[in-house]
Amino acid sequence: DNNSIDGITCIETIEHNDVDEFEMSLKEWYRILKPGGFVWLTTPL
């Protein structure tokens, strides 16, 4: 649901998706996170 999640972790995952999917994921994460919720994201440089 919208605004239902406190936090998200995404560890070494976005590199296995294309750029459009990364952008779509950020949009989706913003939708489901509560205001003040967080994303901890790691990906290889």
PDB file of all heavy atoms in Angstrom:
ATOM      1  N   ASP A   1       0.829  -1.209   0.000  1.00  0.00           N
ATOM      2  CA  ASP A   1       0.000   0.000   0.000  1.00  0.00           C
ATOM      3  C   ASP A   1       0.862   1.256   0.000  1.00  0.00           C
ATOM      4  O   ASP A   1       2.029   1.229   0.410  1.00  0.00           O
ATOM      5  CB  ASP A   1      -0.912   0.017   1.229  1.00  0.00           C
ATOM      6  CG  ASP A   1      -1.969  -1.070   1.193  1.00  0.00           C
ATOM      7  OD1 ASP A   1      -2.316  -1.526   0.075  1.00  0.00           O
ATOM      8  OD2 ASP A   1      -2.453  -1.463   2.275  1.00  0.00           O
ATOM      9  N   ASN A   2       0.273   2.349  -0.418  1.00  0.00           N
ATOM     10  CA  ASN A   2       0.952   3.642  -0.326  1.00  0.00           C
ATOM     11  C   ASN A   2       1.327   3.947   1.121  1.00  0.00           C
ATOM     12  O   ASN A   2       0.551   3.663   2.049  1.00  0.00           O
ATOM     13  CB  ASN A   2       0.042   4.766  -0.823  1.00  0.00           C
ATOM     14  CG  ASN A   2      -0.263   4.673  -2.302  1.00  0.00           C
ATOM     15  OD1 ASN A   2       0.359   3.903  -3.030  1.00  0.00           O
ATOM     16  ND2 ASN A   2      -1.221   5.457  -2.766  1.00  0.00           N
ATOM     17  N   ASN A   3       2.499   4.521   1.331  1.00  0.00           N
ATOM     18  CA  ASN A   3       2.914   5.011   2.654  1.00  0.00           C
ATOM     19  C   ASN A   3       2.798   3.951   3.752  1.00  0.00           C
ATOM     20  O   ASN A   3       2.370   4.240   4.874  1.00  0.00           O
ATOM     21  CB  ASN A   3       2.071   6.234   3.052  1.00  0.00           C
ATOM     22  CG  ASN A   3       2.100   7.330   2.008  1.00  0.00           C
ATOM     23  OD1 ASN A   3       3.164   7.781   1.587  1.00  0.00           O
ATOM     24  ND2 ASN A   3       0.918   7.751   1.560  1.00  0.00           N
ATOM     25  N   SER A   4       3.196   2.716   3.435  1.00  0.00           N
ATOM     26  CA  SER A   4       2.989   1.613   4.389  1.00  0.00           C
ATOM     27  C   SER A   4       4.282   1.007   4.931  1.00  0.00           C
ATOM     28  O   SER A   4       4.235   0.224   5.880  1.00  0.00           O
ATOM     29  CB  SER A   4       2.173   0.507   3.723  1.00  0.00           C
ATOM     30  OG  SER A   4       2.859  -0.011   2.587  1.00  0.00           O
ATOM     31  N   ILE A   5       5.427   1.365   4.366  1.00  0.00           N
ATOM     32  CA  ILE A   5       6.696   0.711   4.697  1.00  0.00           C
ATOM     33  C   ILE A   5       7.628   1.713   5.367  1.00  0.00           C
ATOM     34  O   ILE A   5       7.758   2.856   4.928  1.00  0.00           O
ATOM     35  CB  ILE A   5       7.361   0.140   3.421  1.00  0.00           C
ATOM     36  CG1 ILE A   5       6.424  -0.856   2.712  1.00  0.00           C
ATOM     37  CG2 ILE A   5       8.697  -0.498   3.751  1.00  0.00           C
ATOM     38  CD1 ILE A   5       6.055  -2.067   3.531  1.00  0.00           C
ATOM     39  N   ASP A   6       8.302   1.267   6.438  1.00  0.00           N
ATOM     40  CA  ASP A   6       9.229   2.153   7.163  1.00  0.00           C
ATOM     41  C   ASP A   6      10.577   2.278   6.474  1.00  0.00           C
ATOM     42  O   ASP A   6      11.211   3.345   6.515  1.00  0.00           O
ATOM     43  CB  ASP A   6       9.451   1.636   8.595  1.00  0.00           C
ATOM     44  CG  ASP A   6       8.192   1.685   9.426  1.00  0.00           C
ATOM     45  OD1 ASP A   6       7.610   2.771   9.555  1.00  0.00           O
ATOM     46  OD2 ASP A   6       7.792   0.619   9.955  1.00  0.00           O
ATOM     47  N   GLY A   7      11.052   1.175   5.889  1.00  0.00           N
ATOM     48  CA  GLY A   7      12.391   1.209   5.295  1.00  0.00           C
ATOM     49  C   GLY A   7      12.574   0.130   4.247  1.00  0.00           C
ATOM     50  O   GLY A   7      11.865  -0.887   4.233  1.00  0.00           O
ATOM     51  N   ILE A   8      13.519   0.375   3.361  1.00  0.00           N
ATOM     52  CA  ILE A   8      13.845  -0.554   2.275  1.00  0.00           C
ATOM     53  C   ILE A   8      15.355  -0.755   2.246  1.00  0.00           C
ATOM     54  O   ILE A   8      16.116   0.208   2.409  1.00  0.00           O
ATOM     55  CB  ILE A   8      13.375   0.012   0.916  1.00  0.00           C
ATOM     56  CG1 ILE A   8      11.844   0.010   0.828  1.00  0.00           C
ATOM     57  CG2 ILE A   8      13.984  -0.766  -0.257  1.00  0.00           C
ATOM     58  CD1 ILE A   8      11.295   0.815  -0.342  1.00  0.00           C
ATOM     59  N   THR A   9      15.780  -1.989   2.053  1.00  0.00           N
ATOM     60  CA  THR A   9      17.183  -2.265   1.737  1.00  0.00           C
ATOM     61  C   THR A   9      17.239  -2.817   0.321  1.00  0.00           C
ATOM     62  O   THR A   9      16.372  -3.599  -0.089  1.00  0.00           O
ATOM     63  CB  THR A   9      17.819  -3.268   2.713  1.00  0.00           C
ATOM     64  OG1 THR A   9      17.047  -4.479   2.723  1.00  0.00           O
ATOM     65  CG2 THR A   9      17.883  -2.694   4.127  1.00  0.00           C
ATOM     66  N   CYS A  10      18.251  -2.395  -0.427  1.00  0.00           N
ATOM     67  CA  CYS A  10      18.471  -2.909  -1.783  1.00  0.00           C
ATOM     68  C   CYS A  10      19.974  -3.086  -1.930  1.00  0.00           C
ATOM     69  O   CYS A  10      20.702  -2.133  -2.222  1.00  0.00           O
ATOM     70  CB  CYS A  10      17.900  -1.939  -2.813  1.00  0.00           C
ATOM     71  SG  CYS A  10      18.014  -2.572  -4.509  1.00  0.00           S
ATOM     72  N   ILE A  11      20.433  -4.284  -1.706  1.00  0.00           N
ATOM     73  CA  ILE A  11      21.860  -4.575  -1.589  1.00  0.00           C
ATOM     74  C   ILE A  11      22.362  -5.291  -2.840  1.00  0.00           C
ATOM     75  O   ILE A  11      21.969  -6.430  -3.105  1.00  0.00           O
ATOM     76  CB  ILE A  11      22.134  -5.437  -0.327  1.00  0.00           C
ATOM     77  CG1 ILE A  11      21.489  -4.789   0.916  1.00  0.00           C
ATOM     78  CG2 ILE A  11      23.625  -5.658  -0.138  1.00  0.00           C
ATOM     79  CD1 ILE A  11      21.970  -3.381   1.220  1.00  0.00           C
ATOM     80  N   GLU A  12      23.216  -4.594  -3.619  1.00  0.00           N
ATOM     81  CA  GLU A  12      23.839  -5.182  -4.808  1.00  0.00           C
ATOM     82  C   GLU A  12      22.781  -5.807  -5.723  1.00  0.00           C
ATOM     83  O   GLU A  12      22.888  -6.971  -6.117  1.00  0.00           O
ATOM     84  CB  GLU A  12      24.881  -6.233  -4.410  1.00  0.00           C
ATOM     85  CG  GLU A  12      25.878  -5.754  -3.360  1.00  0.00           C
ATOM     86  CD  GLU A  12      26.785  -4.616  -3.835  1.00  0.00           C
ATOM     87  OE1 GLU A  12      27.623  -4.847  -4.714  1.00  0.00           O
ATOM     88  OE2 GLU A  12      26.645  -3.502  -3.289  1.00  0.00           O
ATOM     89  N   THR A  13      21.784  -5.013  -6.088  1.00  0.00           N
ATOM     90  CA  THR A  13      20.678  -5.514  -6.900  1.00  0.00           C
ATOM     91  C   THR A  13      20.437  -4.678  -8.150  1.00  0.00           C
ATOM     92  O   THR A  13      20.181  -5.232  -9.222  1.00  0.00           O
ATOM     93  CB  THR A  13      19.382  -5.568  -6.066  1.00  0.00           C
ATOM     94  OG1 THR A  13      19.572  -6.463  -4.966  1.00  0.00           O
ATOM     95  CG2 THR A  13      18.196  -6.045  -6.884  1.00  0.00           C
ATOM     96  N   ILE A  14      20.536  -3.358  -8.066  1.00  0.00           N
ATOM     97  CA  ILE A  14      20.157  -2.535  -9.225  1.00  0.00           C
ATOM     98  C   ILE A  14      21.057  -2.770 -10.425  1.00  0.00           C
ATOM     99  O   ILE A  14      20.653  -2.536 -11.569  1.00  0.00           O
ATOM    100  CB  ILE A  14      20.114  -1.034  -8.880  1.00  0.00           C
ATOM    101  CG1 ILE A  14      21.500  -0.510  -8.474  1.00  0.00           C
ATOM    102  CG2 ILE A  14      19.089  -0.752  -7.799  1.00  0.00           C
ATOM    103  CD1 ILE A  14      21.560   1.005  -8.372  1.00  0.00           C
ATOM    104  N   GLU A  15      22.273  -3.275 -10.193  1.00  0.00           N
ATOM    105  CA  GLU A  15      23.180  -3.549 -11.310  1.00  0.00           C
ATOM    106  C   GLU A  15      22.718  -4.739 -12.146  1.00  0.00           C
ATOM    107  O   GLU A  15      23.215  -4.957 -13.250  1.00  0.00           O
ATOM    108  CB  GLU A  15      24.608  -3.784 -10.804  1.00  0.00           C
ATOM    109  CG  GLU A  15      24.795  -5.002  -9.932  1.00  0.00           C
ATOM    110  CD  GLU A  15      24.490  -4.756  -8.459  1.00  0.00           C
ATOM    111  OE1 GLU A  15      23.981  -3.658  -8.115  1.00  0.00           O
ATOM    112  OE2 GLU A  15      24.789  -5.664  -7.652  1.00  0.00           O
ATOM    113  N   HIS A  16      21.767  -5.504 -11.629  1.00  0.00           N
ATOM    114  CA  HIS A  16      21.207  -6.637 -12.367  1.00  0.00           C
ATOM    115  C   HIS A  16      19.956  -6.249 -13.140  1.00  0.00           C
ATOM    116  O   HIS A  16      19.290  -7.108 -13.726  1.00  0.00           O
ATOM    117  CB  HIS A  16      20.880  -7.781 -11.402  1.00  0.00           C
ATOM    118  CG  HIS A  16      22.055  -8.255 -10.622  1.00  0.00           C
ATOM    119  ND1 HIS A  16      23.102  -8.942 -11.196  1.00  0.00           N
ATOM    120  CD2 HIS A  16      22.376  -8.126  -9.309  1.00  0.00           C
ATOM    121  CE1 HIS A  16      24.008  -9.224 -10.265  1.00  0.00           C
ATOM    122  NE2 HIS A  16      23.593  -8.736  -9.121  1.00  0.00           N
ATOM    123  N   ASN A  17      19.615  -4.969 -13.123  1.00  0.00           N
ATOM    124  CA  ASN A  17      18.452  -4.444 -13.826  1.00  0.00           C
ATOM    125  C   ASN A  17      18.911  -3.342 -14.777  1.00  0.00           C
ATOM    126  O   ASN A  17      20.023  -2.826 -14.658  1.00  0.00           O
ATOM    127  CB  ASN A  17      17.437  -3.880 -12.831  1.00  0.00           C
ATOM    128  CG  ASN A  17      16.888  -4.938 -11.899  1.00  0.00           C
ATOM    129  OD1 ASN A  17      15.874  -5.545 -12.169  1.00  0.00           O
ATOM    130  ND2 ASN A  17      17.572  -5.162 -10.790  1.00  0.00           N
ATOM    131  N   ASP A  18      18.049  -2.954 -15.708  1.00  0.00           N
ATOM    132  CA  ASP A  18      18.446  -1.876 -16.596  1.00  0.00           C
ATOM    133  C   ASP A  18      18.108  -0.518 -15.984  1.00  0.00           C
ATOM    134  O   ASP A  18      17.506  -0.436 -14.906  1.00  0.00           O
ATOM    135  CB  ASP A  18      17.851  -2.060 -17.998  1.00  0.00           C
ATOM    136  CG  ASP A  18      16.331  -1.946 -18.039  1.00  0.00           C
ATOM    137  OD1 ASP A  18      15.736  -1.338 -17.126  1.00  0.00           O
ATOM    138  OD2 ASP A  18      15.730  -2.453 -19.013  1.00  0.00           O
ATOM    139  N   VAL A  19      18.492   0.560 -16.668  1.00  0.00           N
ATOM    140  CA  VAL A  19      18.332   1.909 -16.115  1.00  0.00           C
ATOM    141  C   VAL A  19      16.862   2.237 -15.889  1.00  0.00           C
ATOM    142  O   VAL A  19      16.497   2.844 -14.871  1.00  0.00           O
ATOM    143  CB  VAL A  19      18.993   2.947 -17.050  1.00  0.00           C
ATOM    144  CG1 VAL A  19      18.718   4.364 -16.557  1.00  0.00           C
ATOM    145  CG2 VAL A  19      20.492   2.717 -17.145  1.00  0.00           C
ATOM    146  N   ASP A  20      16.010   1.858 -16.836  1.00  0.00           N
ATOM    147  CA  ASP A  20      14.580   2.147 -16.696  1.00  0.00           C
ATOM    148  C   ASP A  20      14.009   1.471 -15.453  1.00  0.00           C
ATOM    149  O   ASP A  20      13.184   2.046 -14.742  1.00  0.00           O
ATOM    150  CB  ASP A  20      13.808   1.686 -17.932  1.00  0.00           C
ATOM    151  CG  ASP A  20      14.099   2.545 -19.155  1.00  0.00           C
ATOM    152  OD1 ASP A  20      14.581   3.687 -18.970  1.00  0.00           O
ATOM    153  OD2 ASP A  20      13.845   2.086 -20.278  1.00  0.00           O
ATOM    154  N   GLU A  21      14.441   0.250 -15.194  1.00  0.00           N
ATOM    155  CA  GLU A  21      13.937  -0.469 -14.021  1.00  0.00           C
ATOM    156  C   GLU A  21      14.422   0.171 -12.729  1.00  0.00           C
ATOM    157  O   GLU A  21      13.691   0.169 -11.728  1.00  0.00           O
ATOM    158  CB  GLU A  21      14.358  -1.940 -14.099  1.00  0.00           C
ATOM    159  CG  GLU A  21      13.623  -2.696 -15.193  1.00  0.00           C
ATOM    160  CD  GLU A  21      14.217  -4.047 -15.500  1.00  0.00           C
ATOM    161  OE1 GLU A  21      15.387  -4.298 -15.163  1.00  0.00           O
ATOM    162  OE2 GLU A  21      13.507  -4.872 -16.105  1.00  0.00           O
ATOM    163  N   PHE A  22      15.626   0.704 -12.728  1.00  0.00           N
ATOM    164  CA  PHE A  22      16.116   1.422 -11.551  1.00  0.00           C
ATOM    165  C   PHE A  22      15.261   2.654 -11.302  1.00  0.00           C
ATOM    166  O   PHE A  22      14.820   2.911 -10.168  1.00  0.00           O
ATOM    167  CB  PHE A  22      17.578   1.810 -11.762  1.00  0.00           C
ATOM    168  CG  PHE A  22      18.199   2.576 -10.616  1.00  0.00           C
ATOM    169  CD1 PHE A  22      17.745   2.435  -9.308  1.00  0.00           C
ATOM    170  CD2 PHE A  22      19.269   3.439 -10.849  1.00  0.00           C
ATOM    171  CE1 PHE A  22      18.328   3.150  -8.256  1.00  0.00           C
ATOM    172  CE2 PHE A  22      19.855   4.149  -9.812  1.00  0.00           C
ATOM    173  CZ  PHE A  22      19.375   4.012  -8.521  1.00  0.00           C
ATOM    174  N   GLU A  23      14.974   3.402 -12.354  1.00  0.00           N
ATOM    175  CA  GLU A  23      14.138   4.599 -12.195  1.00  0.00           C
ATOM    176  C   GLU A  23      12.731   4.230 -11.738  1.00  0.00           C
ATOM    177  O   GLU A  23      12.165   4.868 -10.842  1.00  0.00           O
ATOM    178  CB  GLU A  23      14.081   5.372 -13.509  1.00  0.00           C
ATOM    179  CG  GLU A  23      13.295   6.664 -13.407  1.00  0.00           C
ATOM    180  CD  GLU A  23      13.424   7.538 -14.639  1.00  0.00           C
ATOM    181  OE1 GLU A  23      14.192   7.185 -15.559  1.00  0.00           O
ATOM    182  OE2 GLU A  23      12.756   8.591 -14.680  1.00  0.00           O
ATOM    183  N   MET A  24      12.162   3.186 -12.325  1.00  0.00           N
ATOM    184  CA  MET A  24      10.832   2.725 -11.920  1.00  0.00           C
ATOM    185  C   MET A  24      10.833   2.267 -10.468  1.00  0.00           C
ATOM    186  O   MET A  24       9.856   2.471  -9.734  1.00  0.00           O
ATOM    187  CB  MET A  24      10.380   1.587 -12.831  1.00  0.00           C
ATOM    188  CG  MET A  24      10.097   2.006 -14.256  1.00  0.00           C
ATOM    189  SD  MET A  24      10.011   0.589 -15.397  1.00  0.00           S
ATOM    190  CE  MET A  24       8.711  -0.389 -14.659  1.00  0.00           C
ATOM    191  N   SER A  25      11.924   1.649 -10.038  1.00  0.00           N
ATOM    192  CA  SER A  25      12.021   1.179  -8.653  1.00  0.00           C
ATOM    193  C   SER A  25      12.029   2.355  -7.678  1.00  0.00           C
ATOM    194  O   SER A  25      11.349   2.316  -6.655  1.00  0.00           O
ATOM    195  CB  SER A  25      13.286   0.334  -8.468  1.00  0.00           C
ATOM    196  OG  SER A  25      13.224  -0.839  -9.250  1.00  0.00           O
ATOM    197  N   LEU A  26      12.802   3.383  -7.984  1.00  0.00           N
ATOM    198  CA  LEU A  26      12.820   4.559  -7.112  1.00  0.00           C
ATOM    199  C   LEU A  26      11.425   5.163  -6.977  1.00  0.00           C
ATOM    200  O   LEU A  26      10.999   5.550  -5.884  1.00  0.00           O
ATOM    201  CB  LEU A  26      13.794   5.606  -7.651  1.00  0.00           C
ATOM    202  CG  LEU A  26      15.280   5.296  -7.457  1.00  0.00           C
ATOM    203  CD1 LEU A  26      16.134   6.242  -8.299  1.00  0.00           C
ATOM    204  CD2 LEU A  26      15.678   5.386  -5.985  1.00  0.00           C
ATOM    205  N   LYS A  27      10.718   5.230  -8.082  1.00  0.00           N
ATOM    206  CA  LYS A  27       9.342   5.761  -8.052  1.00  0.00           C
ATOM    207  C   LYS A  27       8.443   4.887  -7.179  1.00  0.00           C
ATOM    208  O   LYS A  27       7.648   5.395  -6.377  1.00  0.00           O
ATOM    209  CB  LYS A  27       8.790   5.834  -9.477  1.00  0.00           C
ATOM    210  CG  LYS A  27       7.373   6.394  -9.553  1.00  0.00           C
ATOM    211  CD  LYS A  27       6.903   6.471 -11.000  1.00  0.00           C
ATOM    212  CE  LYS A  27       5.486   7.035 -11.081  1.00  0.00           C
ATOM    213  NZ  LYS A  27       5.014   7.102 -12.494  1.00  0.00           N
ATOM    214  N   GLU A  28       8.587   3.581  -7.324  1.00  0.00           N
ATOM    215  CA  GLU A  28       7.785   2.648  -6.536  1.00  0.00           C
ATOM    216  C   GLU A  28       8.145   2.726  -5.053  1.00  0.00           C
ATOM    217  O   GLU A  28       7.262   2.711  -4.176  1.00  0.00           O
ATOM    218  CB  GLU A  28       7.972   1.222  -7.066  1.00  0.00           C
ATOM    219  CG  GLU A  28       7.252   0.138  -6.287  1.00  0.00           C
ATOM    220  CD  GLU A  28       5.736   0.176  -6.451  1.00  0.00           C
ATOM    221  OE1 GLU A  28       5.211   1.106  -7.097  1.00  0.00           O
ATOM    222  OE2 GLU A  28       5.073  -0.728  -5.930  1.00  0.00           O
ATOM    223  N   TRP A  29       9.439   2.816  -4.756  1.00  0.00           N
ATOM    224  CA  TRP A  29       9.863   2.908  -3.361  1.00  0.00           C
ATOM    225  C   TRP A  29       9.322   4.174  -2.712  1.00  0.00           C
ATOM    226  O   TRP A  29       8.914   4.147  -1.558  1.00  0.00           O
ATOM    227  CB  TRP A  29      11.387   2.863  -3.267  1.00  0.00           C
ATOM    228  CG  TRP A  29      11.987   1.609  -3.822  1.00  0.00           C
ATOM    229  CD1 TRP A  29      11.323   0.443  -4.149  1.00  0.00           C
ATOM    230  CD2 TRP A  29      13.356   1.385  -4.159  1.00  0.00           C
ATOM    231  NE1 TRP A  29      12.203  -0.484  -4.658  1.00  0.00           N
ATOM    232  CE2 TRP A  29      13.450   0.050  -4.678  1.00  0.00           C
ATOM    233  CE3 TRP A  29      14.514   2.152  -4.065  1.00  0.00           C
ATOM    234  CZ2 TRP A  29      14.659  -0.491  -5.100  1.00  0.00           C
ATOM    235  CZ3 TRP A  29      15.722   1.609  -4.487  1.00  0.00           C
ATOM    236  CH2 TRP A  29      15.786   0.294  -4.991  1.00  0.00           C
ATOM    237  N   TYR A  30       9.335   5.267  -3.457  1.00  0.00           N
ATOM    238  CA  TYR A  30       8.798   6.517  -2.916  1.00  0.00           C
ATOM    239  C   TYR A  30       7.306   6.343  -2.606  1.00  0.00           C
ATOM    240  O   TYR A  30       6.817   6.830  -1.587  1.00  0.00           O
ATOM    241  CB  TYR A  30       9.000   7.672  -3.905  1.00  0.00           C
ATOM    242  CG  TYR A  30       8.680   9.019  -3.302  1.00  0.00           C
ATOM    243  CD1 TYR A  30       9.649   9.751  -2.630  1.00  0.00           C
ATOM    244  CD2 TYR A  30       7.391   9.537  -3.371  1.00  0.00           C
ATOM    245  CE1 TYR A  30       9.348  10.973  -2.045  1.00  0.00           C
ATOM    246  CE2 TYR A  30       7.074  10.750  -2.794  1.00  0.00           C
ATOM    247  CZ  TYR A  30       8.063  11.465  -2.137  1.00  0.00           C
ATOM    248  OH  TYR A  30       7.754  12.661  -1.541  1.00  0.00           O
ATOM    249  N   ARG A  31       6.599   5.635  -3.455  1.00  0.00           N
ATOM    250  CA  ARG A  31       5.159   5.417  -3.247  1.00  0.00           C
ATOM    251  C   ARG A  31       4.883   4.638  -1.971  1.00  0.00           C
ATOM    252  O   ARG A  31       3.998   5.007  -1.192  1.00  0.00           O
ATOM    253  CB  ARG A  31       4.561   4.673  -4.454  1.00  0.00           C
ATOM    254  CG  ARG A  31       3.062   4.391  -4.308  1.00  0.00           C
ATOM    255  CD  ARG A  31       2.537   3.495  -5.416  1.00  0.00           C
ATOM    256  NE  ARG A  31       2.981   2.113  -5.298  1.00  0.00           N
ATOM    257  CZ  ARG A  31       2.425   1.213  -4.487  1.00  0.00           C
ATOM    258  NH1 ARG A  31       1.426   1.547  -3.680  1.00  0.00           N
ATOM    259  NH2 ARG A  31       2.877  -0.030  -4.463  1.00  0.00           N
ATOM    260  N   ILE A  32       5.632   3.558  -1.741  1.00  0.00           N
ATOM    261  CA  ILE A  32       5.277   2.667  -0.633  1.00  0.00           C
ATOM    262  C   ILE A  32       5.861   3.112   0.710  1.00  0.00           C
ATOM    263  O   ILE A  32       5.371   2.692   1.762  1.00  0.00           O
ATOM    264  CB  ILE A  32       5.680   1.209  -0.929  1.00  0.00           C
ATOM    265  CG1 ILE A  32       7.198   1.039  -1.011  1.00  0.00           C
ATOM    266  CG2 ILE A  32       5.005   0.734  -2.203  1.00  0.00           C
ATOM    267  CD1 ILE A  32       7.656  -0.405  -1.241  1.00  0.00           C
ATOM    268  N   LEU A  33       6.884   3.953   0.690  1.00  0.00           N
ATOM    269  CA  LEU A  33       7.495   4.395   1.945  1.00  0.00           C
ATOM    270  C   LEU A  33       6.619   5.420   2.670  1.00  0.00           C
ATOM    271  O   LEU A  33       5.987   6.273   2.051  1.00  0.00           O
ATOM    272  CB  LEU A  33       8.865   5.021   1.688  1.00  0.00           C
ATOM    273  CG  LEU A  33      10.041   4.082   1.454  1.00  0.00           C
ATOM    274  CD1 LEU A  33      11.263   4.883   1.023  1.00  0.00           C
ATOM    275  CD2 LEU A  33      10.353   3.253   2.697  1.00  0.00           C
ATOM    276  N   LYS A  34       6.642   5.319   3.986  1.00  0.00           N
ATOM    277  CA  LYS A  34       6.013   6.348   4.795  1.00  0.00           C
ATOM    278  C   LYS A  34       6.848   7.626   4.713  1.00  0.00           C
ATOM    279  O   LYS A  34       8.059   7.575   4.427  1.00  0.00           O
ATOM    280  CB  LYS A  34       5.951   5.901   6.266  1.00  0.00           C
ATOM    281  CG  LYS A  34       5.119   4.657   6.518  1.00  0.00           C
ATOM    282  CD  LYS A  34       5.214   4.235   7.974  1.00  0.00           C
ATOM    283  CE  LYS A  34       4.428   2.963   8.238  1.00  0.00           C
ATOM    284  NZ  LYS A  34       4.571   2.503   9.655  1.00  0.00           N
ATOM    285  N   PRO A  35       6.247   8.792   4.943  1.00  0.00           N
ATOM    286  CA  PRO A  35       7.058  10.020   5.011  1.00  0.00           C
ATOM    287  C   PRO A  35       8.171   9.858   6.050  1.00  0.00           C
ATOM    288  O   PRO A  35       7.933   9.383   7.160  1.00  0.00           O
ATOM    289  CB  PRO A  35       6.038  11.079   5.446  1.00  0.00           C
ATOM    290  CG  PRO A  35       4.730  10.552   4.943  1.00  0.00           C
ATOM    291  CD  PRO A  35       4.812   9.056   5.091  1.00  0.00           C
ATOM    292  N   GLY A  36       9.379  10.182   5.676  1.00  0.00           N
ATOM    293  CA  GLY A  36      10.520   9.979   6.566  1.00  0.00           C
ATOM    294  C   GLY A  36      11.121   8.597   6.480  1.00  0.00           C
ATOM    295  O   GLY A  36      12.144   8.317   7.113  1.00  0.00           O
ATOM    296  N   GLY A  37      10.501   7.693   5.684  1.00  0.00           N
ATOM    297  CA  GLY A  37      11.043   6.355   5.499  1.00  0.00           C
ATOM    298  C   GLY A  37      12.342   6.400   4.711  1.00  0.00           C
ATOM    299  O   GLY A  37      12.677   7.409   4.075  1.00  0.00           O
ATOM    300  N   PHE A  38      13.078   5.308   4.738  1.00  0.00           N
ATOM    301  CA  PHE A  38      14.423   5.323   4.164  1.00  0.00           C
ATOM    302  C   PHE A  38      14.665   4.169   3.202  1.00  0.00           C
ATOM    303  O   PHE A  38      13.973   3.149   3.225  1.00  0.00           O
ATOM    304  CB  PHE A  38      15.487   5.276   5.276  1.00  0.00           C
ATOM    305  CG  PHE A  38      15.537   3.969   6.018  1.00  0.00           C
ATOM    306  CD1 PHE A  38      16.305   2.911   5.552  1.00  0.00           C
ATOM    307  CD2 PHE A  38      14.806   3.786   7.197  1.00  0.00           C
ATOM    308  CE1 PHE A  38      16.340   1.697   6.227  1.00  0.00           C
ATOM    309  CE2 PHE A  38      14.846   2.580   7.883  1.00  0.00           C
ATOM    310  CZ  PHE A  38      15.613   1.528   7.397  1.00  0.00           C
ATOM    311  N   VAL A  39      15.679   4.361   2.350  1.00  0.00           N
ATOM    312  CA  VAL A  39      16.226   3.307   1.492  1.00  0.00           C
ATOM    313  C   VAL A  39      17.720   3.222   1.773  1.00  0.00           C
ATOM    314  O   VAL A  39      18.419   4.240   1.717  1.00  0.00           O
ATOM    315  CB  VAL A  39      16.027   3.622  -0.010  1.00  0.00           C
ATOM    316  CG1 VAL A  39      16.663   2.512  -0.858  1.00  0.00           C
ATOM    317  CG2 VAL A  39      14.558   3.799  -0.353  1.00  0.00           C
ATOM    318  N   TRP A  40      18.219   2.032   2.088  1.00  0.00           N
ATOM    319  CA  TRP A  40      19.669   1.808   2.159  1.00  0.00           C
ATOM    320  C   TRP A  40      20.036   1.029   0.910  1.00  0.00           C
ATOM    321  O   TRP A  40      19.645  -0.124   0.726  1.00  0.00           O
ATOM    322  CB  TRP A  40      20.051   1.047   3.419  1.00  0.00           C
ATOM    323  CG  TRP A  40      21.500   0.637   3.504  1.00  0.00           C
ATOM    324  CD1 TRP A  40      21.983  -0.623   3.730  1.00  0.00           C
ATOM    325  CD2 TRP A  40      22.670   1.470   3.369  1.00  0.00           C
ATOM    326  NE1 TRP A  40      23.350  -0.640   3.754  1.00  0.00           N
ATOM    327  CE2 TRP A  40      23.814   0.647   3.527  1.00  0.00           C
ATOM    328  CE3 TRP A  40      22.857   2.828   3.132  1.00  0.00           C
ATOM    329  CZ2 TRP A  40      25.112   1.127   3.455  1.00  0.00           C
ATOM    330  CZ3 TRP A  40      24.152   3.313   3.051  1.00  0.00           C
ATOM    331  CH2 TRP A  40      25.252   2.483   3.220  1.00  0.00           C
ATOM    332  N   LEU A  41      20.767   1.698   0.014  1.00  0.00           N
ATOM    333  CA  LEU A  41      21.081   1.183  -1.307  1.00  0.00           C
ATOM    334  C   LEU A  41      22.585   0.994  -1.445  1.00  0.00           C
ATOM    335  O   LEU A  41      23.361   1.898  -1.129  1.00  0.00           O
ATOM    336  CB  LEU A  41      20.590   2.202  -2.346  1.00  0.00           C
ATOM    337  CG  LEU A  41      20.986   1.987  -3.809  1.00  0.00           C
ATOM    338  CD1 LEU A  41      20.228   0.805  -4.393  1.00  0.00           C
ATOM    339  CD2 LEU A  41      20.698   3.257  -4.612  1.00  0.00           C
ATOM    340  N   THR A  42      23.001  -0.189  -1.910  1.00  0.00           N
ATOM    341  CA  THR A  42      24.411  -0.386  -2.269  1.00  0.00           C
ATOM    342  C   THR A  42      24.468  -0.983  -3.673  1.00  0.00           C
ATOM    343  O   THR A  42      23.599  -1.766  -4.072  1.00  0.00           O
ATOM    344  CB  THR A  42      25.176  -1.296  -1.292  1.00  0.00           C
ATOM    345  OG1 THR A  42      24.849  -2.662  -1.526  1.00  0.00           O
ATOM    346  CG2 THR A  42      24.914  -0.917   0.159  1.00  0.00           C
ATOM    347  N   THR A  43      25.516  -0.601  -4.412  1.00  0.00           N
ATOM    348  CA  THR A  43      25.723  -1.144  -5.757  1.00  0.00           C
ATOM    349  C   THR A  43      27.192  -0.953  -6.128  1.00  0.00           C
ATOM    350  O   THR A  43      27.819   0.021  -5.693  1.00  0.00           O
ATOM    351  CB  THR A  43      24.806  -0.450  -6.787  1.00  0.00           C
ATOM    352  OG1 THR A  43      24.870  -1.144  -8.042  1.00  0.00           O
ATOM    353  CG2 THR A  43      25.162   1.007  -6.989  1.00  0.00           C
ATOM    354  N   PRO A  44      27.783  -1.869  -6.891  1.00  0.00           N
ATOM    355  CA  PRO A  44      29.200  -1.737  -7.236  1.00  0.00           C
ATOM    356  C   PRO A  44      29.483  -0.440  -7.993  1.00  0.00           C
ATOM    357  O   PRO A  44      28.713  -0.050  -8.873  1.00  0.00           O
ATOM    358  CB  PRO A  44      29.469  -2.954  -8.127  1.00  0.00           C
ATOM    359  CG  PRO A  44      28.415  -3.933  -7.761  1.00  0.00           C
ATOM    360  CD  PRO A  44      27.210  -3.123  -7.409  1.00  0.00           C
ATOM    361  N   LEU A  45      30.581   0.205  -7.645  1.00  0.00           N
ATOM    362  CA  LEU A  45      30.983   1.409  -8.364  1.00  0.00           C
ATOM    363  C   LEU A  45      31.396   1.065  -9.790  1.00  0.00           C
ATOM    364  O   LEU A  45      32.028   0.046 -10.040  1.00  0.00           O
ATOM    365  CB  LEU A  45      32.144   2.098  -7.649  1.00  0.00           C
ATOM    366  CG  LEU A  45      31.761   3.074  -6.542  1.00  0.00           C
ATOM    367  CD1 LEU A  45      33.012   3.530  -5.787  1.00  0.00           C
ATOM    368  CD2 LEU A  45      31.018   4.286  -7.096  1.00  0.00           C
TER     369      LEU A  45
END
